[in-house]
Amino acid sequence: MMMFFKLTLALALILALILGGIGKATAAEIAAETIAAAKAAAEPNVVASIFPLHSLTAGVMRDVGEPVLLLDGGLSPHDFALKPSQARLLQSADLVIWVGEDLEYPLARFAENLPPGRSFPLIAGAAARQNPHIWLDPQAAKRIVSAVAARLRALDPGHAADYGRNGAALEARIDALEEELAAILGPLRDIPYIVFHDAYGPFEKRFGLNNVGAVTAEPEHRPGARQIRRMRELVATTSARCAFREPQFEPHIAAAIAEDSALRFGELDPLGAGLEPGVNGYFLLMRNLAHGFAACLSHS
């Protein structure tokens, strides 16, 4: 859209010059230079599926352009329906950055119909068998930054230096974040807990946390009575101190699991619900996670 606007402006300028008395040959030279400059200055139209990917992409595109966020942090990427406006947004994008069909499953079929090269899933094929919440591992987040920067350099070579410089700065910032979070979580490594949604594996593995069980692999799948009994037994046998839930879980499920135990509850958000989209969003999301774990686990 921005490219179209700049080219239209260039053509309007050329017409004005011709009407103002400048020769056609001179106007043609000015046209070529103006259109070339417009193409070099125009940023690509980039859409990122979820809040953390949007934040990382915004960091890579800093001072070049702004990516568009497809789904706000309050929506589950596992189960959503594209609005007509979102479908149009995807169709007009130069690049659509998403994790893959194991996370944004409803997006998979639509992505298949995009023009070649516009869909950019971060995990595919055999790699898709991993936990799709890859951004929760800071080292994986650095790999996302590197992959996005490389793709943008190929898509928009006029800003290749900007993407490279921004990507390097962002990776250094993520390294510093990892050190900060390790200092918060290090003393809590041995304390057992359970989670309601098995989303945090990359985070837990990176920081050595002691997750002893998950109520469900997907937040849209409500646990049955058998699973609730199994989780009560797990809490008792492991002496789990905390259960971490997400806002969409109904309170009565938590109450049923905590029955006859001293289980404490904490709330975690892997997607950034309610946070302001932008370059700093990823860092705030990760700090919130670390402090969410610490707030519950640090109470004996």
C-alpha atoms as a PDB file:
ATOM      1  CA  MET A   1       0.000   0.000   0.000  1.00  0.00           C
ATOM      2  CA  MET A   2       2.799   2.428   0.882  1.00  0.00           C
ATOM      3  CA  MET A   3       4.647   1.493  -2.309  1.00  0.00           C
ATOM      4  CA  PHE A   4       1.495   2.236  -4.344  1.00  0.00           C
ATOM      5  CA  PHE A   5       1.109   5.603  -2.652  1.00  0.00           C
ATOM      6  CA  LYS A   6       4.698   6.614  -3.330  1.00  0.00           C
ATOM      7  CA  LEU A   7       4.579   5.531  -6.964  1.00  0.00           C
ATOM      8  CA  THR A   8       1.301   7.406  -7.443  1.00  0.00           C
ATOM      9  CA  LEU A   9       2.885  10.490  -5.920  1.00  0.00           C
ATOM     10  CA  ALA A  10       5.870  10.122  -8.259  1.00  0.00           C
ATOM     11  CA  LEU A  11       3.630   9.904 -11.322  1.00  0.00           C
ATOM     12  CA  ALA A  12       1.656  12.942 -10.190  1.00  0.00           C
ATOM     13  CA  LEU A  13       4.918  14.867  -9.876  1.00  0.00           C
ATOM     14  CA  ILE A  14       5.971  13.854 -13.395  1.00  0.00           C
ATOM     15  CA  LEU A  15       2.649  14.995 -14.840  1.00  0.00           C
ATOM     16  CA  ALA A  16       2.979  18.333 -13.063  1.00  0.00           C
ATOM     17  CA  LEU A  17       6.452  18.825 -14.463  1.00  0.00           C
ATOM     18  CA  ILE A  18       5.302  18.116 -18.018  1.00  0.00           C
ATOM     19  CA  LEU A  19       2.327  20.441 -17.701  1.00  0.00           C
ATOM     20  CA  GLY A  20       4.623  23.043 -16.205  1.00  0.00           C
ATOM     21  CA  GLY A  21       6.744  23.143 -19.327  1.00  0.00           C
ATOM     22  CA  ILE A  22       9.596  20.722 -18.641  1.00  0.00           C
ATOM     23  CA  GLY A  23      10.409  18.594 -21.661  1.00  0.00           C
ATOM     24  CA  LYS A  24       9.308  14.992 -21.883  1.00  0.00           C
ATOM     25  CA  ALA A  25      12.883  13.704 -21.996  1.00  0.00           C
ATOM     26  CA  THR A  26      13.795  15.587 -18.821  1.00  0.00           C
ATOM     27  CA  ALA A  27      10.553  14.482 -17.195  1.00  0.00           C
ATOM     28  CA  ALA A  28      11.303  10.871 -18.109  1.00  0.00           C
ATOM     29  CA  GLU A  29      14.709  11.101 -16.431  1.00  0.00           C
ATOM     30  CA  ILE A  30      13.151  12.616 -13.349  1.00  0.00           C
ATOM     31  CA  ALA A  31      10.482   9.894 -13.474  1.00  0.00           C
ATOM     32  CA  ALA A  32      13.047   7.098 -13.507  1.00  0.00           C
ATOM     33  CA  GLU A  33      14.964   8.607 -10.594  1.00  0.00           C
ATOM     34  CA  THR A  34      11.806   9.338  -8.594  1.00  0.00           C
ATOM     35  CA  ILE A  35      10.340   5.860  -9.075  1.00  0.00           C
ATOM     36  CA  ALA A  36      13.663   4.228  -8.186  1.00  0.00           C
ATOM     37  CA  ALA A  37      13.870   6.325  -5.021  1.00  0.00           C
ATOM     38  CA  ALA A  38      10.276   5.463  -4.125  1.00  0.00           C
ATOM     39  CA  LYS A  39      10.943   1.758  -4.522  1.00  0.00           C
ATOM     40  CA  ALA A  40      14.081   1.992  -2.386  1.00  0.00           C
ATOM     41  CA  ALA A  41      12.284   3.942   0.339  1.00  0.00           C
ATOM     42  CA  ALA A  42       9.107   1.833   0.494  1.00  0.00           C
ATOM     43  CA  GLU A  43       8.969  -0.680   3.296  1.00  0.00           C
ATOM     44  CA  PRO A  44       7.538  -4.170   2.688  1.00  0.00           C
ATOM     45  CA  ASN A  45       4.029  -4.949   3.879  1.00  0.00           C
ATOM     46  CA  VAL A  46       4.633  -7.538   6.621  1.00  0.00           C
ATOM     47  CA  VAL A  47       2.020  -9.346   8.717  1.00  0.00           C
ATOM     48  CA  ALA A  48       2.943 -11.301  11.867  1.00  0.00           C
ATOM     49  CA  SER A  49       0.428 -13.797  13.218  1.00  0.00           C
ATOM     50  CA  ILE A  50       0.830 -13.420  16.992  1.00  0.00           C
ATOM     51  CA  PHE A  51       2.040 -10.838  19.488  1.00  0.00           C
ATOM     52  CA  PRO A  52       5.536 -12.215  20.244  1.00  0.00           C
ATOM     53  CA  LEU A  53       6.380 -12.687  16.554  1.00  0.00           C
ATOM     54  CA  HIS A  54       5.062  -9.220  15.831  1.00  0.00           C
ATOM     55  CA  SER A  55       7.298  -7.739  18.527  1.00  0.00           C
ATOM     56  CA  LEU A  56      10.430  -9.496  17.271  1.00  0.00           C
ATOM     57  CA  THR A  57       9.632  -8.527  13.684  1.00  0.00           C
ATOM     58  CA  ALA A  58       9.041  -4.929  14.747  1.00  0.00           C
ATOM     59  CA  GLY A  59      12.519  -4.948  16.264  1.00  0.00           C
ATOM     60  CA  VAL A  60      14.061  -6.126  13.008  1.00  0.00           C
ATOM     61  CA  MET A  61      12.082  -3.526  11.009  1.00  0.00           C
ATOM     62  CA  ARG A  62      12.824  -0.632  13.349  1.00  0.00           C
ATOM     63  CA  ASP A  63      13.197   2.697  11.509  1.00  0.00           C
ATOM     64  CA  VAL A  64      12.156   0.987   8.260  1.00  0.00           C
ATOM     65  CA  GLY A  65       8.489   0.139   8.717  1.00  0.00           C
ATOM     66  CA  GLU A  66       5.873  -1.363  11.007  1.00  0.00           C
ATOM     67  CA  PRO A  67       4.598  -4.938  10.732  1.00  0.00           C
ATOM     68  CA  VAL A  68       0.886  -5.568  11.192  1.00  0.00           C
ATOM     69  CA  LEU A  69      -0.396  -7.857  13.966  1.00  0.00           C
ATOM     70  CA  LEU A  70      -2.970 -10.400  12.772  1.00  0.00           C
ATOM     71  CA  LEU A  71      -4.235 -11.745  16.131  1.00  0.00           C
ATOM     72  CA  ASP A  72      -4.194  -9.786  19.362  1.00  0.00           C
ATOM     73  CA  GLY A  73      -2.816 -11.444  22.476  1.00  0.00           C
ATOM     74  CA  GLY A  74      -6.249 -12.215  23.859  1.00  0.00           C
ATOM     75  CA  LEU A  75      -7.091 -14.645  21.031  1.00  0.00           C
ATOM     76  CA  SER A  76      -5.953 -18.243  20.980  1.00  0.00           C
ATOM     77  CA  PRO A  77      -3.903 -19.015  17.863  1.00  0.00           C
ATOM     78  CA  HIS A  78      -5.072 -22.624  18.103  1.00  0.00           C
ATOM     79  CA  ASP A  79      -8.696 -21.841  17.351  1.00  0.00           C
ATOM     80  CA  PHE A  80      -9.831 -18.733  15.513  1.00  0.00           C
ATOM     81  CA  ALA A  81     -11.779 -17.761  12.406  1.00  0.00           C
ATOM     82  CA  LEU A  82     -10.337 -15.232   9.983  1.00  0.00           C
ATOM     83  CA  LYS A  83     -12.480 -12.145   9.469  1.00  0.00           C
ATOM     84  CA  PRO A  84     -12.860 -10.868   5.887  1.00  0.00           C
ATOM     85  CA  SER A  85     -10.682  -7.885   6.795  1.00  0.00           C
ATOM     86  CA  GLN A  86      -7.942 -10.219   8.064  1.00  0.00           C
ATOM     87  CA  ALA A  87      -8.140 -12.320   4.906  1.00  0.00           C
ATOM     88  CA  ARG A  88      -7.692  -9.188   2.812  1.00  0.00           C
ATOM     89  CA  LEU A  89      -4.777  -8.161   4.992  1.00  0.00           C
ATOM     90  CA  LEU A  90      -3.051 -11.485   4.376  1.00  0.00           C
ATOM     91  CA  GLN A  91      -3.725 -11.371   0.646  1.00  0.00           C
ATOM     92  CA  SER A  92      -2.132  -7.943   0.331  1.00  0.00           C
ATOM     93  CA  ALA A  93       0.942  -8.781   2.436  1.00  0.00           C
ATOM     94  CA  ASP A  94       4.396  -9.114   0.956  1.00  0.00           C
ATOM     95  CA  LEU A  95       5.313 -11.480   3.800  1.00  0.00           C
ATOM     96  CA  VAL A  96       3.252 -13.396   6.373  1.00  0.00           C
ATOM     97  CA  ILE A  97       5.292 -14.566   9.373  1.00  0.00           C
ATOM     98  CA  TRP A  98       3.761 -17.332  11.487  1.00  0.00           C
ATOM     99  CA  VAL A  99       4.957 -20.278  13.583  1.00  0.00           C
ATOM    100  CA  GLY A 100       3.305 -23.146  11.715  1.00  0.00           C
ATOM    101  CA  GLU A 101       0.207 -25.275  11.531  1.00  0.00           C
ATOM    102  CA  ASP A 102       0.793 -26.861  14.954  1.00  0.00           C
ATOM    103  CA  LEU A 103       0.127 -23.454  16.490  1.00  0.00           C
ATOM    104  CA  GLU A 104      -1.975 -21.349  14.082  1.00  0.00           C
ATOM    105  CA  TYR A 105      -3.789 -24.300  12.538  1.00  0.00           C
ATOM    106  CA  PRO A 106      -6.647 -22.203  11.053  1.00  0.00           C
ATOM    107  CA  LEU A 107      -4.065 -20.195   9.116  1.00  0.00           C
ATOM    108  CA  ALA A 108      -2.486 -23.206   7.408  1.00  0.00           C
ATOM    109  CA  ARG A 109      -5.011 -23.678   4.593  1.00  0.00           C
ATOM    110  CA  PHE A 110      -5.137 -19.963   3.861  1.00  0.00           C
ATOM    111  CA  ALA A 111      -1.331 -19.754   3.746  1.00  0.00           C
ATOM    112  CA  GLU A 112      -1.219 -22.522   1.143  1.00  0.00           C
ATOM    113  CA  ASN A 113      -3.153 -20.269  -1.233  1.00  0.00           C
ATOM    114  CA  LEU A 114      -0.909 -17.229  -0.873  1.00  0.00           C
ATOM    115  CA  PRO A 115       1.375 -16.363  -3.801  1.00  0.00           C
ATOM    116  CA  PRO A 116       4.734 -18.200  -3.697  1.00  0.00           C
ATOM    117  CA  GLY A 117       7.231 -16.815  -1.220  1.00  0.00           C
ATOM    118  CA  ARG A 118       4.776 -14.810   0.850  1.00  0.00           C
ATOM    119  CA  SER A 119       4.071 -17.389   3.552  1.00  0.00           C
ATOM    120  CA  PHE A 120       6.954 -17.711   6.024  1.00  0.00           C
ATOM    121  CA  PRO A 121       6.293 -20.446   8.625  1.00  0.00           C
ATOM    122  CA  LEU A 122       9.090 -20.648  11.174  1.00  0.00           C
ATOM    123  CA  ILE A 123       8.738 -24.386  11.771  1.00  0.00           C
ATOM    124  CA  ALA A 124       7.653 -26.920   9.181  1.00  0.00           C
ATOM    125  CA  GLY A 125       8.140 -30.549   8.229  1.00  0.00           C
ATOM    126  CA  ALA A 126       9.912 -32.681  10.831  1.00  0.00           C
ATOM    127  CA  ALA A 127      10.604 -29.599  12.951  1.00  0.00           C
ATOM    128  CA  ALA A 128       6.849 -29.106  13.389  1.00  0.00           C
ATOM    129  CA  ARG A 129       6.816 -31.943  15.930  1.00  0.00           C
ATOM    130  CA  GLN A 130       8.476 -29.708  18.525  1.00  0.00           C
ATOM    131  CA  ASN A 131       6.560 -27.604  21.033  1.00  0.00           C
ATOM    132  CA  PRO A 132       5.341 -24.741  18.824  1.00  0.00           C
ATOM    133  CA  HIS A 133       5.702 -22.069  21.532  1.00  0.00           C
ATOM    134  CA  ILE A 134       9.251 -21.525  20.337  1.00  0.00           C
ATOM    135  CA  TRP A 135       9.527 -17.831  21.235  1.00  0.00           C
ATOM    136  CA  LEU A 136       9.509 -18.758  24.939  1.00  0.00           C
ATOM    137  CA  ASP A 137      13.133 -19.907  24.628  1.00  0.00           C
ATOM    138  CA  PRO A 138      15.327 -16.799  24.268  1.00  0.00           C
ATOM    139  CA  GLN A 139      17.835 -18.688  22.131  1.00  0.00           C
ATOM    140  CA  ALA A 140      15.033 -19.750  19.776  1.00  0.00           C
ATOM    141  CA  ALA A 141      13.856 -16.122  19.748  1.00  0.00           C
ATOM    142  CA  LYS A 142      17.316 -15.149  18.506  1.00  0.00           C
ATOM    143  CA  ARG A 143      16.987 -17.695  15.711  1.00  0.00           C
ATOM    144  CA  ILE A 144      13.605 -16.193  14.817  1.00  0.00           C
ATOM    145  CA  VAL A 145      15.211 -12.752  14.633  1.00  0.00           C
ATOM    146  CA  SER A 146      17.992 -14.075  12.412  1.00  0.00           C
ATOM    147  CA  ALA A 147      15.545 -15.845  10.080  1.00  0.00           C
ATOM    148  CA  VAL A 148      13.248 -12.830   9.803  1.00  0.00           C
ATOM    149  CA  ALA A 149      16.174 -10.480   9.150  1.00  0.00           C
ATOM    150  CA  ALA A 150      17.493 -12.765   6.397  1.00  0.00           C
ATOM    151  CA  ARG A 151      14.077 -13.007   4.760  1.00  0.00           C
ATOM    152  CA  LEU A 152      13.568  -9.255   4.886  1.00  0.00           C
ATOM    153  CA  ARG A 153      17.012  -8.600   3.420  1.00  0.00           C
ATOM    154  CA  ALA A 154      16.084 -10.794   0.460  1.00  0.00           C
ATOM    155  CA  LEU A 155      12.654  -9.177   0.115  1.00  0.00           C
ATOM    156  CA  ASP A 156      13.867  -5.612   0.562  1.00  0.00           C
ATOM    157  CA  PRO A 157      17.587  -5.344  -0.328  1.00  0.00           C
ATOM    158  CA  GLY A 158      17.408  -1.551  -0.207  1.00  0.00           C
ATOM    159  CA  HIS A 159      17.159  -1.796   3.578  1.00  0.00           C
ATOM    160  CA  ALA A 160      19.410  -4.837   4.050  1.00  0.00           C
ATOM    161  CA  ALA A 161      21.872  -2.925   6.230  1.00  0.00           C
ATOM    162  CA  ASP A 162      19.051  -1.724   8.496  1.00  0.00           C
ATOM    163  CA  TYR A 163      17.700  -5.234   8.985  1.00  0.00           C
ATOM    164  CA  GLY A 164      21.154  -6.612   9.710  1.00  0.00           C
ATOM    165  CA  ARG A 165      21.961  -3.880  12.219  1.00  0.00           C
ATOM    166  CA  ASN A 166      18.574  -4.138  13.936  1.00  0.00           C
ATOM    167  CA  GLY A 167      18.768  -7.913  14.098  1.00  0.00           C
ATOM    168  CA  ALA A 168      22.202  -7.858  15.726  1.00  0.00           C
ATOM    169  CA  ALA A 169      21.069  -5.292  18.311  1.00  0.00           C
ATOM    170  CA  LEU A 170      17.939  -7.302  19.058  1.00  0.00           C
ATOM    171  CA  GLU A 171      19.889 -10.538  19.556  1.00  0.00           C
ATOM    172  CA  ALA A 172      22.228  -8.794  22.005  1.00  0.00           C
ATOM    173  CA  ARG A 173      19.228  -7.476  23.892  1.00  0.00           C
ATOM    174  CA  ILE A 174      17.733 -10.992  24.069  1.00  0.00           C
ATOM    175  CA  ASP A 175      21.006 -12.331  25.504  1.00  0.00           C
ATOM    176  CA  ALA A 176      20.822  -9.716  28.245  1.00  0.00           C
ATOM    177  CA  LEU A 177      17.188 -10.647  28.890  1.00  0.00           C
ATOM    178  CA  GLU A 178      18.111 -14.316  29.286  1.00  0.00           C
ATOM    179  CA  GLU A 179      20.701 -13.455  31.935  1.00  0.00           C
ATOM    180  CA  GLU A 180      18.150 -11.319  33.772  1.00  0.00           C
ATOM    181  CA  LEU A 181      15.520 -14.073  33.789  1.00  0.00           C
ATOM    182  CA  ALA A 182      18.035 -16.756  34.805  1.00  0.00           C
ATOM    183  CA  ALA A 183      18.882 -14.730  37.900  1.00  0.00           C
ATOM    184  CA  ILE A 184      15.182 -14.580  38.835  1.00  0.00           C
ATOM    185  CA  LEU A 185      14.411 -18.245  38.159  1.00  0.00           C
ATOM    186  CA  GLY A 186      17.632 -19.927  39.252  1.00  0.00           C
ATOM    187  CA  PRO A 187      16.638 -20.291  42.935  1.00  0.00           C
ATOM    188  CA  LEU A 188      13.323 -21.911  41.914  1.00  0.00           C
ATOM    189  CA  ARG A 189      14.651 -24.701  39.695  1.00  0.00           C
ATOM    190  CA  ASP A 190      13.817 -27.636  41.998  1.00  0.00           C
ATOM    191  CA  ILE A 191      10.326 -26.620  43.096  1.00  0.00           C
ATOM    192  CA  PRO A 192       7.616 -28.854  41.541  1.00  0.00           C
ATOM    193  CA  TYR A 193       4.518 -27.390  39.925  1.00  0.00           C
ATOM    194  CA  ILE A 194       1.850 -28.229  37.352  1.00  0.00           C
ATOM    195  CA  VAL A 195       0.470 -26.215  34.452  1.00  0.00           C
ATOM    196  CA  PHE A 196      -2.989 -26.190  32.941  1.00  0.00           C
ATOM    197  CA  HIS A 197      -1.744 -25.718  29.377  1.00  0.00           C
ATOM    198  CA  ASP A 198       1.392 -27.487  28.187  1.00  0.00           C
ATOM    199  CA  ALA A 199       2.806 -24.395  26.483  1.00  0.00           C
ATOM    200  CA  TYR A 200       5.887 -23.597  28.494  1.00  0.00           C
ATOM    201  CA  GLY A 201       8.293 -26.389  27.589  1.00  0.00           C
ATOM    202  CA  PRO A 202      10.820 -24.175  25.739  1.00  0.00           C
ATOM    203  CA  PHE A 203      10.882 -21.713  28.653  1.00  0.00           C
ATOM    204  CA  GLU A 204      11.100 -24.459  31.281  1.00  0.00           C
ATOM    205  CA  LYS A 205      13.906 -26.285  29.493  1.00  0.00           C
ATOM    206  CA  ARG A 206      15.956 -23.125  29.012  1.00  0.00           C
ATOM    207  CA  PHE A 207      15.692 -22.132  32.673  1.00  0.00           C
ATOM    208  CA  GLY A 208      15.632 -25.619  34.221  1.00  0.00           C
ATOM    209  CA  LEU A 209      12.221 -25.403  35.872  1.00  0.00           C
ATOM    210  CA  ASN A 210      10.506 -28.428  37.436  1.00  0.00           C
ATOM    211  CA  ASN A 211       7.156 -28.935  35.694  1.00  0.00           C
ATOM    212  CA  VAL A 212       5.730 -32.282  36.882  1.00  0.00           C
ATOM    213  CA  GLY A 213       2.584 -32.364  34.757  1.00  0.00           C
ATOM    214  CA  ALA A 214       0.073 -30.594  32.518  1.00  0.00           C
ATOM    215  CA  VAL A 215      -3.710 -30.708  32.705  1.00  0.00           C
ATOM    216  CA  THR A 216      -4.089 -30.488  28.919  1.00  0.00           C
ATOM    217  CA  ALA A 217      -1.945 -30.099  25.836  1.00  0.00           C
ATOM    218  CA  GLU A 218      -4.396 -27.600  24.327  1.00  0.00           C
ATOM    219  CA  PRO A 219      -6.328 -24.929  26.238  1.00  0.00           C
ATOM    220  CA  GLU A 220      -9.429 -25.557  24.108  1.00  0.00           C
ATOM    221  CA  HIS A 221      -9.664 -29.164  25.376  1.00  0.00           C
ATOM    222  CA  ARG A 222     -11.356 -29.231  28.769  1.00  0.00           C
ATOM    223  CA  PRO A 223     -10.133 -31.984  31.089  1.00  0.00           C
ATOM    224  CA  GLY A 224     -12.569 -34.711  32.042  1.00  0.00           C
ATOM    225  CA  ALA A 225     -13.182 -36.180  35.480  1.00  0.00           C
ATOM    226  CA  ARG A 226     -10.525 -38.880  34.983  1.00  0.00           C
ATOM    227  CA  GLN A 227      -7.848 -36.327  34.109  1.00  0.00           C
ATOM    228  CA  ILE A 228      -8.786 -34.145  37.083  1.00  0.00           C
ATOM    229  CA  ARG A 229      -8.427 -37.165  39.419  1.00  0.00           C
ATOM    230  CA  ARG A 230      -5.068 -37.981  37.880  1.00  0.00           C
ATOM    231  CA  MET A 231      -3.860 -34.415  38.434  1.00  0.00           C
ATOM    232  CA  ARG A 232      -5.014 -34.504  42.078  1.00  0.00           C
ATOM    233  CA  GLU A 233      -2.972 -37.654  42.604  1.00  0.00           C
ATOM    234  CA  LEU A 234       0.025 -36.060  40.869  1.00  0.00           C
ATOM    235  CA  VAL A 235      -0.171 -33.003  43.110  1.00  0.00           C
ATOM    236  CA  ALA A 236      -0.204 -35.260  46.167  1.00  0.00           C
ATOM    237  CA  THR A 237       2.655 -37.552  45.119  1.00  0.00           C
ATOM    238  CA  THR A 238       4.969 -34.773  43.867  1.00  0.00           C
ATOM    239  CA  SER A 239       4.127 -32.172  46.519  1.00  0.00           C
ATOM    240  CA  ALA A 240       3.566 -29.676  43.728  1.00  0.00           C
ATOM    241  CA  ARG A 241       3.567 -26.196  45.194  1.00  0.00           C
ATOM    242  CA  CYS A 242       1.768 -24.321  42.426  1.00  0.00           C
ATOM    243  CA  ALA A 243      -0.605 -24.741  39.512  1.00  0.00           C
ATOM    244  CA  PHE A 244      -0.290 -22.213  36.712  1.00  0.00           C
ATOM    245  CA  ARG A 245      -3.400 -21.432  34.742  1.00  0.00           C
ATOM    246  CA  GLU A 246      -4.399 -19.150  31.912  1.00  0.00           C
ATOM    247  CA  PRO A 247      -7.413 -16.824  31.908  1.00  0.00           C
ATOM    248  CA  GLN A 248      -9.595 -19.055  29.728  1.00  0.00           C
ATOM    249  CA  PHE A 249      -9.679 -21.906  32.278  1.00  0.00           C
ATOM    250  CA  GLU A 250     -12.839 -22.035  34.323  1.00  0.00           C
ATOM    251  CA  PRO A 251     -12.327 -21.564  38.094  1.00  0.00           C
ATOM    252  CA  HIS A 252     -14.139 -24.771  38.997  1.00  0.00           C
ATOM    253  CA  ILE A 253     -11.487 -26.850  37.202  1.00  0.00           C
ATOM    254  CA  ALA A 254      -8.757 -25.301  39.321  1.00  0.00           C
ATOM    255  CA  ALA A 255     -10.818 -25.800  42.479  1.00  0.00           C
ATOM    256  CA  ALA A 256     -11.387 -29.471  41.657  1.00  0.00           C
ATOM    257  CA  ILE A 257      -7.671 -30.128  41.186  1.00  0.00           C
ATOM    258  CA  ALA A 258      -6.696 -28.262  44.360  1.00  0.00           C
ATOM    259  CA  GLU A 259      -9.212 -30.146  46.526  1.00  0.00           C
ATOM    260  CA  ASP A 260      -7.696 -31.291  49.860  1.00  0.00           C
ATOM    261  CA  SER A 261      -4.287 -29.813  49.039  1.00  0.00           C
ATOM    262  CA  ALA A 262      -2.268 -26.690  49.792  1.00  0.00           C
ATOM    263  CA  LEU A 263      -1.823 -26.018  46.084  1.00  0.00           C
ATOM    264  CA  ARG A 264      -1.323 -22.367  45.226  1.00  0.00           C
ATOM    265  CA  PHE A 265      -2.396 -20.810  41.920  1.00  0.00           C
ATOM    266  CA  GLY A 266      -0.559 -18.503  39.597  1.00  0.00           C
ATOM    267  CA  GLU A 267      -1.481 -17.103  36.202  1.00  0.00           C
ATOM    268  CA  LEU A 268       0.788 -17.153  33.157  1.00  0.00           C
ATOM    269  CA  ASP A 269       0.325 -15.669  29.714  1.00  0.00           C
ATOM    270  CA  PRO A 270       2.505 -16.940  26.847  1.00  0.00           C
ATOM    271  CA  LEU A 271       0.904 -14.662  24.230  1.00  0.00           C
ATOM    272  CA  GLY A 272       0.899 -11.148  25.648  1.00  0.00           C
ATOM    273  CA  ALA A 273      -2.798 -10.541  26.253  1.00  0.00           C
ATOM    274  CA  GLY A 274      -3.354  -6.886  27.063  1.00  0.00           C
ATOM    275  CA  LEU A 275       0.203  -5.798  26.286  1.00  0.00           C
ATOM    276  CA  GLU A 276       0.988  -2.984  23.891  1.00  0.00           C
ATOM    277  CA  PRO A 277       2.271  -4.293  20.540  1.00  0.00           C
ATOM    278  CA  GLY A 278       5.705  -3.081  19.547  1.00  0.00           C
ATOM    279  CA  VAL A 279       9.428  -3.597  19.858  1.00  0.00           C
ATOM    280  CA  ASN A 280       9.367  -3.922  23.663  1.00  0.00           C
ATOM    281  CA  GLY A 281       6.408  -6.307  23.811  1.00  0.00           C
ATOM    282  CA  TYR A 282       8.437  -9.527  23.678  1.00  0.00           C
ATOM    283  CA  PHE A 283      10.654  -8.418  26.550  1.00  0.00           C
ATOM    284  CA  LEU A 284       7.720  -7.458  28.741  1.00  0.00           C
ATOM    285  CA  LEU A 285       5.984 -10.770  27.967  1.00  0.00           C
ATOM    286  CA  MET A 286       9.060 -12.751  29.026  1.00  0.00           C
ATOM    287  CA  ARG A 287       9.601 -10.715  32.181  1.00  0.00           C
ATOM    288  CA  ASN A 288       5.954 -11.174  33.107  1.00  0.00           C
ATOM    289  CA  LEU A 289       6.353 -14.929  32.716  1.00  0.00           C
ATOM    290  CA  ALA A 290       9.431 -15.039  34.936  1.00  0.00           C
ATOM    291  CA  HIS A 291       7.803 -12.918  37.622  1.00  0.00           C
ATOM    292  CA  GLY A 292       4.629 -14.995  37.363  1.00  0.00           C
ATOM    293  CA  PHE A 293       6.581 -18.165  38.112  1.00  0.00           C
ATOM    294  CA  ALA A 294       8.520 -16.488  40.911  1.00  0.00           C
ATOM    295  CA  ALA A 295       5.471 -14.964  42.598  1.00  0.00           C
ATOM    296  CA  CYS A 296       3.906 -18.378  43.165  1.00  0.00           C
ATOM    297  CA  LEU A 297       6.908 -20.691  43.541  1.00  0.00           C
ATOM    298  CA  SER A 298       8.777 -18.486  45.996  1.00  0.00           C
ATOM    299  CA  HIS A 299       6.065 -18.961  48.641  1.00  0.00           C
ATOM    300  CA  SER A 300       6.781 -22.025  50.776  1.00  0.00           C
END
